[in-house]
Amino acid sequence: PLTVLEARAAIDTTAEMEDRPWVA
């Protein structure tokens, strides 16, 4: 498993890695 911080970072960072808002 990931740590709590890693899991949250993975989800939160998703929005920053995609230019199309609906895909993010």
PDBML (XML) file of the C-alpha atoms, coordinates in Angstrom:
<?xml version="1.0" encoding="UTF-8" ?>
<PDBx:datablock datablockName="MODEL"
   xmlns:PDBx="http://pdbml.pdb.org/schema/pdbx-v50.xsd"
   xmlns:xsi="http://www.w3.org/2001/XMLSchema-instance"
   xsi:schemaLocation="http://pdbml.pdb.org/schema/pdbx-v50.xsd pdbx-v50.xsd">
   <PDBx:atom_siteCategory>
      <PDBx:atom_site id="1">
         <PDBx:B_iso_or_equiv>0.00</PDBx:B_iso_or_equiv>
         <PDBx:Cartn_x>0.000</PDBx:Cartn_x>
         <PDBx:Cartn_y>0.000</PDBx:Cartn_y>
         <PDBx:Cartn_z>0.000</PDBx:Cartn_z>
         <PDBx:auth_asym_id>A</PDBx:auth_asym_id>
         <PDBx:auth_atom_id>CA</PDBx:auth_atom_id>
         <PDBx:auth_comp_id>PRO</PDBx:auth_comp_id>
         <PDBx:auth_seq_id>1</PDBx:auth_seq_id>
         <PDBx:group_PDB>ATOM</PDBx:group_PDB>
         <PDBx:label_alt_id xsi:nil="true" />
         <PDBx:label_asym_id>A</PDBx:label_asym_id>
         <PDBx:label_atom_id>CA</PDBx:label_atom_id>
         <PDBx:label_comp_id>PRO</PDBx:label_comp_id>
         <PDBx:label_entity_id>1</PDBx:label_entity_id>
         <PDBx:label_seq_id>1</PDBx:label_seq_id>
         <PDBx:occupancy>1.00</PDBx:occupancy>
         <PDBx:pdbx_PDB_model_num>1</PDBx:pdbx_PDB_model_num>
         <PDBx:type_symbol>C</PDBx:type_symbol>
      </PDBx:atom_site>
      <PDBx:atom_site id="2">
         <PDBx:B_iso_or_equiv>0.00</PDBx:B_iso_or_equiv>
         <PDBx:Cartn_x>0.878</PDBx:Cartn_x>
         <PDBx:Cartn_y>3.657</PDBx:Cartn_y>
         <PDBx:Cartn_z>-0.312</PDBx:Cartn_z>
         <PDBx:auth_asym_id>A</PDBx:auth_asym_id>
         <PDBx:auth_atom_id>CA</PDBx:auth_atom_id>
         <PDBx:auth_comp_id>LEU</PDBx:auth_comp_id>
         <PDBx:auth_seq_id>2</PDBx:auth_seq_id>
         <PDBx:group_PDB>ATOM</PDBx:group_PDB>
         <PDBx:label_alt_id xsi:nil="true" />
         <PDBx:label_asym_id>A</PDBx:label_asym_id>
         <PDBx:label_atom_id>CA</PDBx:label_atom_id>
         <PDBx:label_comp_id>LEU</PDBx:label_comp_id>
         <PDBx:label_entity_id>1</PDBx:label_entity_id>
         <PDBx:label_seq_id>2</PDBx:label_seq_id>
         <PDBx:occupancy>1.00</PDBx:occupancy>
         <PDBx:pdbx_PDB_model_num>1</PDBx:pdbx_PDB_model_num>
         <PDBx:type_symbol>C</PDBx:type_symbol>
      </PDBx:atom_site>
      <PDBx:atom_site id="3">
         <PDBx:B_iso_or_equiv>0.00</PDBx:B_iso_or_equiv>
         <PDBx:Cartn_x>1.113</PDBx:Cartn_x>
         <PDBx:Cartn_y>5.875</PDBx:Cartn_y>
         <PDBx:Cartn_z>2.729</PDBx:Cartn_z>
         <PDBx:auth_asym_id>A</PDBx:auth_asym_id>
         <PDBx:auth_atom_id>CA</PDBx:auth_atom_id>
         <PDBx:auth_comp_id>THR</PDBx:auth_comp_id>
         <PDBx:auth_seq_id>3</PDBx:auth_seq_id>
         <PDBx:group_PDB>ATOM</PDBx:group_PDB>
         <PDBx:label_alt_id xsi:nil="true" />
         <PDBx:label_asym_id>A</PDBx:label_asym_id>
         <PDBx:label_atom_id>CA</PDBx:label_atom_id>
         <PDBx:label_comp_id>THR</PDBx:label_comp_id>
         <PDBx:label_entity_id>1</PDBx:label_entity_id>
         <PDBx:label_seq_id>3</PDBx:label_seq_id>
         <PDBx:occupancy>1.00</PDBx:occupancy>
         <PDBx:pdbx_PDB_model_num>1</PDBx:pdbx_PDB_model_num>
         <PDBx:type_symbol>C</PDBx:type_symbol>
      </PDBx:atom_site>
      <PDBx:atom_site id="4">
         <PDBx:B_iso_or_equiv>0.00</PDBx:B_iso_or_equiv>
         <PDBx:Cartn_x>-1.806</PDBx:Cartn_x>
         <PDBx:Cartn_y>8.176</PDBx:Cartn_y>
         <PDBx:Cartn_z>3.456</PDBx:Cartn_z>
         <PDBx:auth_asym_id>A</PDBx:auth_asym_id>
         <PDBx:auth_atom_id>CA</PDBx:auth_atom_id>
         <PDBx:auth_comp_id>VAL</PDBx:auth_comp_id>
         <PDBx:auth_seq_id>4</PDBx:auth_seq_id>
         <PDBx:group_PDB>ATOM</PDBx:group_PDB>
         <PDBx:label_alt_id xsi:nil="true" />
         <PDBx:label_asym_id>A</PDBx:label_asym_id>
         <PDBx:label_atom_id>CA</PDBx:label_atom_id>
         <PDBx:label_comp_id>VAL</PDBx:label_comp_id>
         <PDBx:label_entity_id>1</PDBx:label_entity_id>
         <PDBx:label_seq_id>4</PDBx:label_seq_id>
         <PDBx:occupancy>1.00</PDBx:occupancy>
         <PDBx:pdbx_PDB_model_num>1</PDBx:pdbx_PDB_model_num>
         <PDBx:type_symbol>C</PDBx:type_symbol>
      </PDBx:atom_site>
      <PDBx:atom_site id="5">
         <PDBx:B_iso_or_equiv>0.00</PDBx:B_iso_or_equiv>
         <PDBx:Cartn_x>0.179</PDBx:Cartn_x>
         <PDBx:Cartn_y>11.161</PDBx:Cartn_y>
         <PDBx:Cartn_z>2.166</PDBx:Cartn_z>
         <PDBx:auth_asym_id>A</PDBx:auth_asym_id>
         <PDBx:auth_atom_id>CA</PDBx:auth_atom_id>
         <PDBx:auth_comp_id>LEU</PDBx:auth_comp_id>
         <PDBx:auth_seq_id>5</PDBx:auth_seq_id>
         <PDBx:group_PDB>ATOM</PDBx:group_PDB>
         <PDBx:label_alt_id xsi:nil="true" />
         <PDBx:label_asym_id>A</PDBx:label_asym_id>
         <PDBx:label_atom_id>CA</PDBx:label_atom_id>
         <PDBx:label_comp_id>LEU</PDBx:label_comp_id>
         <PDBx:label_entity_id>1</PDBx:label_entity_id>
         <PDBx:label_seq_id>5</PDBx:label_seq_id>
         <PDBx:occupancy>1.00</PDBx:occupancy>
         <PDBx:pdbx_PDB_model_num>1</PDBx:pdbx_PDB_model_num>
         <PDBx:type_symbol>C</PDBx:type_symbol>
      </PDBx:atom_site>
      <PDBx:atom_site id="6">
         <PDBx:B_iso_or_equiv>0.00</PDBx:B_iso_or_equiv>
         <PDBx:Cartn_x>1.201</PDBx:Cartn_x>
         <PDBx:Cartn_y>9.325</PDBx:Cartn_y>
         <PDBx:Cartn_z>-1.016</PDBx:Cartn_z>
         <PDBx:auth_asym_id>A</PDBx:auth_asym_id>
         <PDBx:auth_atom_id>CA</PDBx:auth_atom_id>
         <PDBx:auth_comp_id>GLU</PDBx:auth_comp_id>
         <PDBx:auth_seq_id>6</PDBx:auth_seq_id>
         <PDBx:group_PDB>ATOM</PDBx:group_PDB>
         <PDBx:label_alt_id xsi:nil="true" />
         <PDBx:label_asym_id>A</PDBx:label_asym_id>
         <PDBx:label_atom_id>CA</PDBx:label_atom_id>
         <PDBx:label_comp_id>GLU</PDBx:label_comp_id>
         <PDBx:label_entity_id>1</PDBx:label_entity_id>
         <PDBx:label_seq_id>6</PDBx:label_seq_id>
         <PDBx:occupancy>1.00</PDBx:occupancy>
         <PDBx:pdbx_PDB_model_num>1</PDBx:pdbx_PDB_model_num>
         <PDBx:type_symbol>C</PDBx:type_symbol>
      </PDBx:atom_site>
      <PDBx:atom_site id="7">
         <PDBx:B_iso_or_equiv>0.00</PDBx:B_iso_or_equiv>
         <PDBx:Cartn_x>-2.363</PDBx:Cartn_x>
         <PDBx:Cartn_y>8.240</PDBx:Cartn_y>
         <PDBx:Cartn_z>-1.743</PDBx:Cartn_z>
         <PDBx:auth_asym_id>A</PDBx:auth_asym_id>
         <PDBx:auth_atom_id>CA</PDBx:auth_atom_id>
         <PDBx:auth_comp_id>ALA</PDBx:auth_comp_id>
         <PDBx:auth_seq_id>7</PDBx:auth_seq_id>
         <PDBx:group_PDB>ATOM</PDBx:group_PDB>
         <PDBx:label_alt_id xsi:nil="true" />
         <PDBx:label_asym_id>A</PDBx:label_asym_id>
         <PDBx:label_atom_id>CA</PDBx:label_atom_id>
         <PDBx:label_comp_id>ALA</PDBx:label_comp_id>
         <PDBx:label_entity_id>1</PDBx:label_entity_id>
         <PDBx:label_seq_id>7</PDBx:label_seq_id>
         <PDBx:occupancy>1.00</PDBx:occupancy>
         <PDBx:pdbx_PDB_model_num>1</PDBx:pdbx_PDB_model_num>
         <PDBx:type_symbol>C</PDBx:type_symbol>
      </PDBx:atom_site>
      <PDBx:atom_site id="8">
         <PDBx:B_iso_or_equiv>0.00</PDBx:B_iso_or_equiv>
         <PDBx:Cartn_x>-3.722</PDBx:Cartn_x>
         <PDBx:Cartn_y>11.755</PDBx:Cartn_y>
         <PDBx:Cartn_z>-1.221</PDBx:Cartn_z>
         <PDBx:auth_asym_id>A</PDBx:auth_asym_id>
         <PDBx:auth_atom_id>CA</PDBx:auth_atom_id>
         <PDBx:auth_comp_id>ARG</PDBx:auth_comp_id>
         <PDBx:auth_seq_id>8</PDBx:auth_seq_id>
         <PDBx:group_PDB>ATOM</PDBx:group_PDB>
         <PDBx:label_alt_id xsi:nil="true" />
         <PDBx:label_asym_id>A</PDBx:label_asym_id>
         <PDBx:label_atom_id>CA</PDBx:label_atom_id>
         <PDBx:label_comp_id>ARG</PDBx:label_comp_id>
         <PDBx:label_entity_id>1</PDBx:label_entity_id>
         <PDBx:label_seq_id>8</PDBx:label_seq_id>
         <PDBx:occupancy>1.00</PDBx:occupancy>
         <PDBx:pdbx_PDB_model_num>1</PDBx:pdbx_PDB_model_num>
         <PDBx:type_symbol>C</PDBx:type_symbol>
      </PDBx:atom_site>
      <PDBx:atom_site id="9">
         <PDBx:B_iso_or_equiv>0.00</PDBx:B_iso_or_equiv>
         <PDBx:Cartn_x>-0.936</PDBx:Cartn_x>
         <PDBx:Cartn_y>13.265</PDBx:Cartn_y>
         <PDBx:Cartn_z>-3.328</PDBx:Cartn_z>
         <PDBx:auth_asym_id>A</PDBx:auth_asym_id>
         <PDBx:auth_atom_id>CA</PDBx:auth_atom_id>
         <PDBx:auth_comp_id>ALA</PDBx:auth_comp_id>
         <PDBx:auth_seq_id>9</PDBx:auth_seq_id>
         <PDBx:group_PDB>ATOM</PDBx:group_PDB>
         <PDBx:label_alt_id xsi:nil="true" />
         <PDBx:label_asym_id>A</PDBx:label_asym_id>
         <PDBx:label_atom_id>CA</PDBx:label_atom_id>
         <PDBx:label_comp_id>ALA</PDBx:label_comp_id>
         <PDBx:label_entity_id>1</PDBx:label_entity_id>
         <PDBx:label_seq_id>9</PDBx:label_seq_id>
         <PDBx:occupancy>1.00</PDBx:occupancy>
         <PDBx:pdbx_PDB_model_num>1</PDBx:pdbx_PDB_model_num>
         <PDBx:type_symbol>C</PDBx:type_symbol>
      </PDBx:atom_site>
      <PDBx:atom_site id="10">
         <PDBx:B_iso_or_equiv>0.00</PDBx:B_iso_or_equiv>
         <PDBx:Cartn_x>-1.649</PDBx:Cartn_x>
         <PDBx:Cartn_y>10.839</PDBx:Cartn_y>
         <PDBx:Cartn_z>-6.173</PDBx:Cartn_z>
         <PDBx:auth_asym_id>A</PDBx:auth_asym_id>
         <PDBx:auth_atom_id>CA</PDBx:auth_atom_id>
         <PDBx:auth_comp_id>ALA</PDBx:auth_comp_id>
         <PDBx:auth_seq_id>10</PDBx:auth_seq_id>
         <PDBx:group_PDB>ATOM</PDBx:group_PDB>
         <PDBx:label_alt_id xsi:nil="true" />
         <PDBx:label_asym_id>A</PDBx:label_asym_id>
         <PDBx:label_atom_id>CA</PDBx:label_atom_id>
         <PDBx:label_comp_id>ALA</PDBx:label_comp_id>
         <PDBx:label_entity_id>1</PDBx:label_entity_id>
         <PDBx:label_seq_id>10</PDBx:label_seq_id>
         <PDBx:occupancy>1.00</PDBx:occupancy>
         <PDBx:pdbx_PDB_model_num>1</PDBx:pdbx_PDB_model_num>
         <PDBx:type_symbol>C</PDBx:type_symbol>
      </PDBx:atom_site>
      <PDBx:atom_site id="11">
         <PDBx:B_iso_or_equiv>0.00</PDBx:B_iso_or_equiv>
         <PDBx:Cartn_x>-5.298</PDBx:Cartn_x>
         <PDBx:Cartn_y>11.900</PDBx:Cartn_y>
         <PDBx:Cartn_z>-6.300</PDBx:Cartn_z>
         <PDBx:auth_asym_id>A</PDBx:auth_asym_id>
         <PDBx:auth_atom_id>CA</PDBx:auth_atom_id>
         <PDBx:auth_comp_id>ILE</PDBx:auth_comp_id>
         <PDBx:auth_seq_id>11</PDBx:auth_seq_id>
         <PDBx:group_PDB>ATOM</PDBx:group_PDB>
         <PDBx:label_alt_id xsi:nil="true" />
         <PDBx:label_asym_id>A</PDBx:label_asym_id>
         <PDBx:label_atom_id>CA</PDBx:label_atom_id>
         <PDBx:label_comp_id>ILE</PDBx:label_comp_id>
         <PDBx:label_entity_id>1</PDBx:label_entity_id>
         <PDBx:label_seq_id>11</PDBx:label_seq_id>
         <PDBx:occupancy>1.00</PDBx:occupancy>
         <PDBx:pdbx_PDB_model_num>1</PDBx:pdbx_PDB_model_num>
         <PDBx:type_symbol>C</PDBx:type_symbol>
      </PDBx:atom_site>
      <PDBx:atom_site id="12">
         <PDBx:B_iso_or_equiv>0.00</PDBx:B_iso_or_equiv>
         <PDBx:Cartn_x>-4.733</PDBx:Cartn_x>
         <PDBx:Cartn_y>15.617</PDBx:Cartn_y>
         <PDBx:Cartn_z>-5.719</PDBx:Cartn_z>
         <PDBx:auth_asym_id>A</PDBx:auth_asym_id>
         <PDBx:auth_atom_id>CA</PDBx:auth_atom_id>
         <PDBx:auth_comp_id>ASP</PDBx:auth_comp_id>
         <PDBx:auth_seq_id>12</PDBx:auth_seq_id>
         <PDBx:group_PDB>ATOM</PDBx:group_PDB>
         <PDBx:label_alt_id xsi:nil="true" />
         <PDBx:label_asym_id>A</PDBx:label_asym_id>
         <PDBx:label_atom_id>CA</PDBx:label_atom_id>
         <PDBx:label_comp_id>ASP</PDBx:label_comp_id>
         <PDBx:label_entity_id>1</PDBx:label_entity_id>
         <PDBx:label_seq_id>12</PDBx:label_seq_id>
         <PDBx:occupancy>1.00</PDBx:occupancy>
         <PDBx:pdbx_PDB_model_num>1</PDBx:pdbx_PDB_model_num>
         <PDBx:type_symbol>C</PDBx:type_symbol>
      </PDBx:atom_site>
      <PDBx:atom_site id="13">
         <PDBx:B_iso_or_equiv>0.00</PDBx:B_iso_or_equiv>
         <PDBx:Cartn_x>-1.946</PDBx:Cartn_x>
         <PDBx:Cartn_y>15.870</PDBx:Cartn_y>
         <PDBx:Cartn_z>-8.314</PDBx:Cartn_z>
         <PDBx:auth_asym_id>A</PDBx:auth_asym_id>
         <PDBx:auth_atom_id>CA</PDBx:auth_atom_id>
         <PDBx:auth_comp_id>THR</PDBx:auth_comp_id>
         <PDBx:auth_seq_id>13</PDBx:auth_seq_id>
         <PDBx:group_PDB>ATOM</PDBx:group_PDB>
         <PDBx:label_alt_id xsi:nil="true" />
         <PDBx:label_asym_id>A</PDBx:label_asym_id>
         <PDBx:label_atom_id>CA</PDBx:label_atom_id>
         <PDBx:label_comp_id>THR</PDBx:label_comp_id>
         <PDBx:label_entity_id>1</PDBx:label_entity_id>
         <PDBx:label_seq_id>13</PDBx:label_seq_id>
         <PDBx:occupancy>1.00</PDBx:occupancy>
         <PDBx:pdbx_PDB_model_num>1</PDBx:pdbx_PDB_model_num>
         <PDBx:type_symbol>C</PDBx:type_symbol>
      </PDBx:atom_site>
      <PDBx:atom_site id="14">
         <PDBx:B_iso_or_equiv>0.00</PDBx:B_iso_or_equiv>
         <PDBx:Cartn_x>-4.150</PDBx:Cartn_x>
         <PDBx:Cartn_y>14.287</PDBx:Cartn_y>
         <PDBx:Cartn_z>-10.983</PDBx:Cartn_z>
         <PDBx:auth_asym_id>A</PDBx:auth_asym_id>
         <PDBx:auth_atom_id>CA</PDBx:auth_atom_id>
         <PDBx:auth_comp_id>THR</PDBx:auth_comp_id>
         <PDBx:auth_seq_id>14</PDBx:auth_seq_id>
         <PDBx:group_PDB>ATOM</PDBx:group_PDB>
         <PDBx:label_alt_id xsi:nil="true" />
         <PDBx:label_asym_id>A</PDBx:label_asym_id>
         <PDBx:label_atom_id>CA</PDBx:label_atom_id>
         <PDBx:label_comp_id>THR</PDBx:label_comp_id>
         <PDBx:label_entity_id>1</PDBx:label_entity_id>
         <PDBx:label_seq_id>14</PDBx:label_seq_id>
         <PDBx:occupancy>1.00</PDBx:occupancy>
         <PDBx:pdbx_PDB_model_num>1</PDBx:pdbx_PDB_model_num>
         <PDBx:type_symbol>C</PDBx:type_symbol>
      </PDBx:atom_site>
      <PDBx:atom_site id="15">
         <PDBx:B_iso_or_equiv>0.00</PDBx:B_iso_or_equiv>
         <PDBx:Cartn_x>-5.874</PDBx:Cartn_x>
         <PDBx:Cartn_y>17.612</PDBx:Cartn_y>
         <PDBx:Cartn_z>-11.637</PDBx:Cartn_z>
         <PDBx:auth_asym_id>A</PDBx:auth_asym_id>
         <PDBx:auth_atom_id>CA</PDBx:auth_atom_id>
         <PDBx:auth_comp_id>ALA</PDBx:auth_comp_id>
         <PDBx:auth_seq_id>15</PDBx:auth_seq_id>
         <PDBx:group_PDB>ATOM</PDBx:group_PDB>
         <PDBx:label_alt_id xsi:nil="true" />
         <PDBx:label_asym_id>A</PDBx:label_asym_id>
         <PDBx:label_atom_id>CA</PDBx:label_atom_id>
         <PDBx:label_comp_id>ALA</PDBx:label_comp_id>
         <PDBx:label_entity_id>1</PDBx:label_entity_id>
         <PDBx:label_seq_id>15</PDBx:label_seq_id>
         <PDBx:occupancy>1.00</PDBx:occupancy>
         <PDBx:pdbx_PDB_model_num>1</PDBx:pdbx_PDB_model_num>
         <PDBx:type_symbol>C</PDBx:type_symbol>
      </PDBx:atom_site>
      <PDBx:atom_site id="16">
         <PDBx:B_iso_or_equiv>0.00</PDBx:B_iso_or_equiv>
         <PDBx:Cartn_x>-2.515</PDBx:Cartn_x>
         <PDBx:Cartn_y>19.287</PDBx:Cartn_y>
         <PDBx:Cartn_z>-12.323</PDBx:Cartn_z>
         <PDBx:auth_asym_id>A</PDBx:auth_asym_id>
         <PDBx:auth_atom_id>CA</PDBx:auth_atom_id>
         <PDBx:auth_comp_id>GLU</PDBx:auth_comp_id>
         <PDBx:auth_seq_id>16</PDBx:auth_seq_id>
         <PDBx:group_PDB>ATOM</PDBx:group_PDB>
         <PDBx:label_alt_id xsi:nil="true" />
         <PDBx:label_asym_id>A</PDBx:label_asym_id>
         <PDBx:label_atom_id>CA</PDBx:label_atom_id>
         <PDBx:label_comp_id>GLU</PDBx:label_comp_id>
         <PDBx:label_entity_id>1</PDBx:label_entity_id>
         <PDBx:label_seq_id>16</PDBx:label_seq_id>
         <PDBx:occupancy>1.00</PDBx:occupancy>
         <PDBx:pdbx_PDB_model_num>1</PDBx:pdbx_PDB_model_num>
         <PDBx:type_symbol>C</PDBx:type_symbol>
      </PDBx:atom_site>
      <PDBx:atom_site id="17">
         <PDBx:B_iso_or_equiv>0.00</PDBx:B_iso_or_equiv>
         <PDBx:Cartn_x>-1.384</PDBx:Cartn_x>
         <PDBx:Cartn_y>16.785</PDBx:Cartn_y>
         <PDBx:Cartn_z>-14.963</PDBx:Cartn_z>
         <PDBx:auth_asym_id>A</PDBx:auth_asym_id>
         <PDBx:auth_atom_id>CA</PDBx:auth_atom_id>
         <PDBx:auth_comp_id>MET</PDBx:auth_comp_id>
         <PDBx:auth_seq_id>17</PDBx:auth_seq_id>
         <PDBx:group_PDB>ATOM</PDBx:group_PDB>
         <PDBx:label_alt_id xsi:nil="true" />
         <PDBx:label_asym_id>A</PDBx:label_asym_id>
         <PDBx:label_atom_id>CA</PDBx:label_atom_id>
         <PDBx:label_comp_id>MET</PDBx:label_comp_id>
         <PDBx:label_entity_id>1</PDBx:label_entity_id>
         <PDBx:label_seq_id>17</PDBx:label_seq_id>
         <PDBx:occupancy>1.00</PDBx:occupancy>
         <PDBx:pdbx_PDB_model_num>1</PDBx:pdbx_PDB_model_num>
         <PDBx:type_symbol>C</PDBx:type_symbol>
      </PDBx:atom_site>
      <PDBx:atom_site id="18">
         <PDBx:B_iso_or_equiv>0.00</PDBx:B_iso_or_equiv>
         <PDBx:Cartn_x>-4.182</PDBx:Cartn_x>
         <PDBx:Cartn_y>17.157</PDBx:Cartn_y>
         <PDBx:Cartn_z>-17.504</PDBx:Cartn_z>
         <PDBx:auth_asym_id>A</PDBx:auth_asym_id>
         <PDBx:auth_atom_id>CA</PDBx:auth_atom_id>
         <PDBx:auth_comp_id>GLU</PDBx:auth_comp_id>
         <PDBx:auth_seq_id>18</PDBx:auth_seq_id>
         <PDBx:group_PDB>ATOM</PDBx:group_PDB>
         <PDBx:label_alt_id xsi:nil="true" />
         <PDBx:label_asym_id>A</PDBx:label_asym_id>
         <PDBx:label_atom_id>CA</PDBx:label_atom_id>
         <PDBx:label_comp_id>GLU</PDBx:label_comp_id>
         <PDBx:label_entity_id>1</PDBx:label_entity_id>
         <PDBx:label_seq_id>18</PDBx:label_seq_id>
         <PDBx:occupancy>1.00</PDBx:occupancy>
         <PDBx:pdbx_PDB_model_num>1</PDBx:pdbx_PDB_model_num>
         <PDBx:type_symbol>C</PDBx:type_symbol>
      </PDBx:atom_site>
      <PDBx:atom_site id="19">
         <PDBx:B_iso_or_equiv>0.00</PDBx:B_iso_or_equiv>
         <PDBx:Cartn_x>-5.092</PDBx:Cartn_x>
         <PDBx:Cartn_y>20.260</PDBx:Cartn_y>
         <PDBx:Cartn_z>-19.581</PDBx:Cartn_z>
         <PDBx:auth_asym_id>A</PDBx:auth_asym_id>
         <PDBx:auth_atom_id>CA</PDBx:auth_atom_id>
         <PDBx:auth_comp_id>ASP</PDBx:auth_comp_id>
         <PDBx:auth_seq_id>19</PDBx:auth_seq_id>
         <PDBx:group_PDB>ATOM</PDBx:group_PDB>
         <PDBx:label_alt_id xsi:nil="true" />
         <PDBx:label_asym_id>A</PDBx:label_asym_id>
         <PDBx:label_atom_id>CA</PDBx:label_atom_id>
         <PDBx:label_comp_id>ASP</PDBx:label_comp_id>
         <PDBx:label_entity_id>1</PDBx:label_entity_id>
         <PDBx:label_seq_id>19</PDBx:label_seq_id>
         <PDBx:occupancy>1.00</PDBx:occupancy>
         <PDBx:pdbx_PDB_model_num>1</PDBx:pdbx_PDB_model_num>
         <PDBx:type_symbol>C</PDBx:type_symbol>
      </PDBx:atom_site>
      <PDBx:atom_site id="20">
         <PDBx:B_iso_or_equiv>0.00</PDBx:B_iso_or_equiv>
         <PDBx:Cartn_x>-8.650</PDBx:Cartn_x>
         <PDBx:Cartn_y>19.091</PDBx:Cartn_y>
         <PDBx:Cartn_z>-20.271</PDBx:Cartn_z>
         <PDBx:auth_asym_id>A</PDBx:auth_asym_id>
         <PDBx:auth_atom_id>CA</PDBx:auth_atom_id>
         <PDBx:auth_comp_id>ARG</PDBx:auth_comp_id>
         <PDBx:auth_seq_id>20</PDBx:auth_seq_id>
         <PDBx:group_PDB>ATOM</PDBx:group_PDB>
         <PDBx:label_alt_id xsi:nil="true" />
         <PDBx:label_asym_id>A</PDBx:label_asym_id>
         <PDBx:label_atom_id>CA</PDBx:label_atom_id>
         <PDBx:label_comp_id>ARG</PDBx:label_comp_id>
         <PDBx:label_entity_id>1</PDBx:label_entity_id>
         <PDBx:label_seq_id>20</PDBx:label_seq_id>
         <PDBx:occupancy>1.00</PDBx:occupancy>
         <PDBx:pdbx_PDB_model_num>1</PDBx:pdbx_PDB_model_num>
         <PDBx:type_symbol>C</PDBx:type_symbol>
      </PDBx:atom_site>
      <PDBx:atom_site id="21">
         <PDBx:B_iso_or_equiv>0.00</PDBx:B_iso_or_equiv>
         <PDBx:Cartn_x>-10.693</PDBx:Cartn_x>
         <PDBx:Cartn_y>19.743</PDBx:Cartn_y>
         <PDBx:Cartn_z>-17.103</PDBx:Cartn_z>
         <PDBx:auth_asym_id>A</PDBx:auth_asym_id>
         <PDBx:auth_atom_id>CA</PDBx:auth_atom_id>
         <PDBx:auth_comp_id>PRO</PDBx:auth_comp_id>
         <PDBx:auth_seq_id>21</PDBx:auth_seq_id>
         <PDBx:group_PDB>ATOM</PDBx:group_PDB>
         <PDBx:label_alt_id xsi:nil="true" />
         <PDBx:label_asym_id>A</PDBx:label_asym_id>
         <PDBx:label_atom_id>CA</PDBx:label_atom_id>
         <PDBx:label_comp_id>PRO</PDBx:label_comp_id>
         <PDBx:label_entity_id>1</PDBx:label_entity_id>
         <PDBx:label_seq_id>21</PDBx:label_seq_id>
         <PDBx:occupancy>1.00</PDBx:occupancy>
         <PDBx:pdbx_PDB_model_num>1</PDBx:pdbx_PDB_model_num>
         <PDBx:type_symbol>C</PDBx:type_symbol>
      </PDBx:atom_site>
      <PDBx:atom_site id="22">
         <PDBx:B_iso_or_equiv>0.00</PDBx:B_iso_or_equiv>
         <PDBx:Cartn_x>-13.237</PDBx:Cartn_x>
         <PDBx:Cartn_y>16.983</PDBx:Cartn_y>
         <PDBx:Cartn_z>-17.739</PDBx:Cartn_z>
         <PDBx:auth_asym_id>A</PDBx:auth_asym_id>
         <PDBx:auth_atom_id>CA</PDBx:auth_atom_id>
         <PDBx:auth_comp_id>TRP</PDBx:auth_comp_id>
         <PDBx:auth_seq_id>22</PDBx:auth_seq_id>
         <PDBx:group_PDB>ATOM</PDBx:group_PDB>
         <PDBx:label_alt_id xsi:nil="true" />
         <PDBx:label_asym_id>A</PDBx:label_asym_id>
         <PDBx:label_atom_id>CA</PDBx:label_atom_id>
         <PDBx:label_comp_id>TRP</PDBx:label_comp_id>
         <PDBx:label_entity_id>1</PDBx:label_entity_id>
         <PDBx:label_seq_id>22</PDBx:label_seq_id>
         <PDBx:occupancy>1.00</PDBx:occupancy>
         <PDBx:pdbx_PDB_model_num>1</PDBx:pdbx_PDB_model_num>
         <PDBx:type_symbol>C</PDBx:type_symbol>
      </PDBx:atom_site>
      <PDBx:atom_site id="23">
         <PDBx:B_iso_or_equiv>0.00</PDBx:B_iso_or_equiv>
         <PDBx:Cartn_x>-10.490</PDBx:Cartn_x>
         <PDBx:Cartn_y>14.376</PDBx:Cartn_y>
         <PDBx:Cartn_z>-18.277</PDBx:Cartn_z>
         <PDBx:auth_asym_id>A</PDBx:auth_asym_id>
         <PDBx:auth_atom_id>CA</PDBx:auth_atom_id>
         <PDBx:auth_comp_id>VAL</PDBx:auth_comp_id>
         <PDBx:auth_seq_id>23</PDBx:auth_seq_id>
         <PDBx:group_PDB>ATOM</PDBx:group_PDB>
         <PDBx:label_alt_id xsi:nil="true" />
         <PDBx:label_asym_id>A</PDBx:label_asym_id>
         <PDBx:label_atom_id>CA</PDBx:label_atom_id>
         <PDBx:label_comp_id>VAL</PDBx:label_comp_id>
         <PDBx:label_entity_id>1</PDBx:label_entity_id>
         <PDBx:label_seq_id>23</PDBx:label_seq_id>
         <PDBx:occupancy>1.00</PDBx:occupancy>
         <PDBx:pdbx_PDB_model_num>1</PDBx:pdbx_PDB_model_num>
         <PDBx:type_symbol>C</PDBx:type_symbol>
      </PDBx:atom_site>
      <PDBx:atom_site id="24">
         <PDBx:B_iso_or_equiv>0.00</PDBx:B_iso_or_equiv>
         <PDBx:Cartn_x>-8.714</PDBx:Cartn_x>
         <PDBx:Cartn_y>15.525</PDBx:Cartn_y>
         <PDBx:Cartn_z>-15.113</PDBx:Cartn_z>
         <PDBx:auth_asym_id>A</PDBx:auth_asym_id>
         <PDBx:auth_atom_id>CA</PDBx:auth_atom_id>
         <PDBx:auth_comp_id>ALA</PDBx:auth_comp_id>
         <PDBx:auth_seq_id>24</PDBx:auth_seq_id>
         <PDBx:group_PDB>ATOM</PDBx:group_PDB>
         <PDBx:label_alt_id xsi:nil="true" />
         <PDBx:label_asym_id>A</PDBx:label_asym_id>
         <PDBx:label_atom_id>CA</PDBx:label_atom_id>
         <PDBx:label_comp_id>ALA</PDBx:label_comp_id>
         <PDBx:label_entity_id>1</PDBx:label_entity_id>
         <PDBx:label_seq_id>24</PDBx:label_seq_id>
         <PDBx:occupancy>1.00</PDBx:occupancy>
         <PDBx:pdbx_PDB_model_num>1</PDBx:pdbx_PDB_model_num>
         <PDBx:type_symbol>C</PDBx:type_symbol>
      </PDBx:atom_site>
   </PDBx:atom_siteCategory>
</PDBx:datablock>
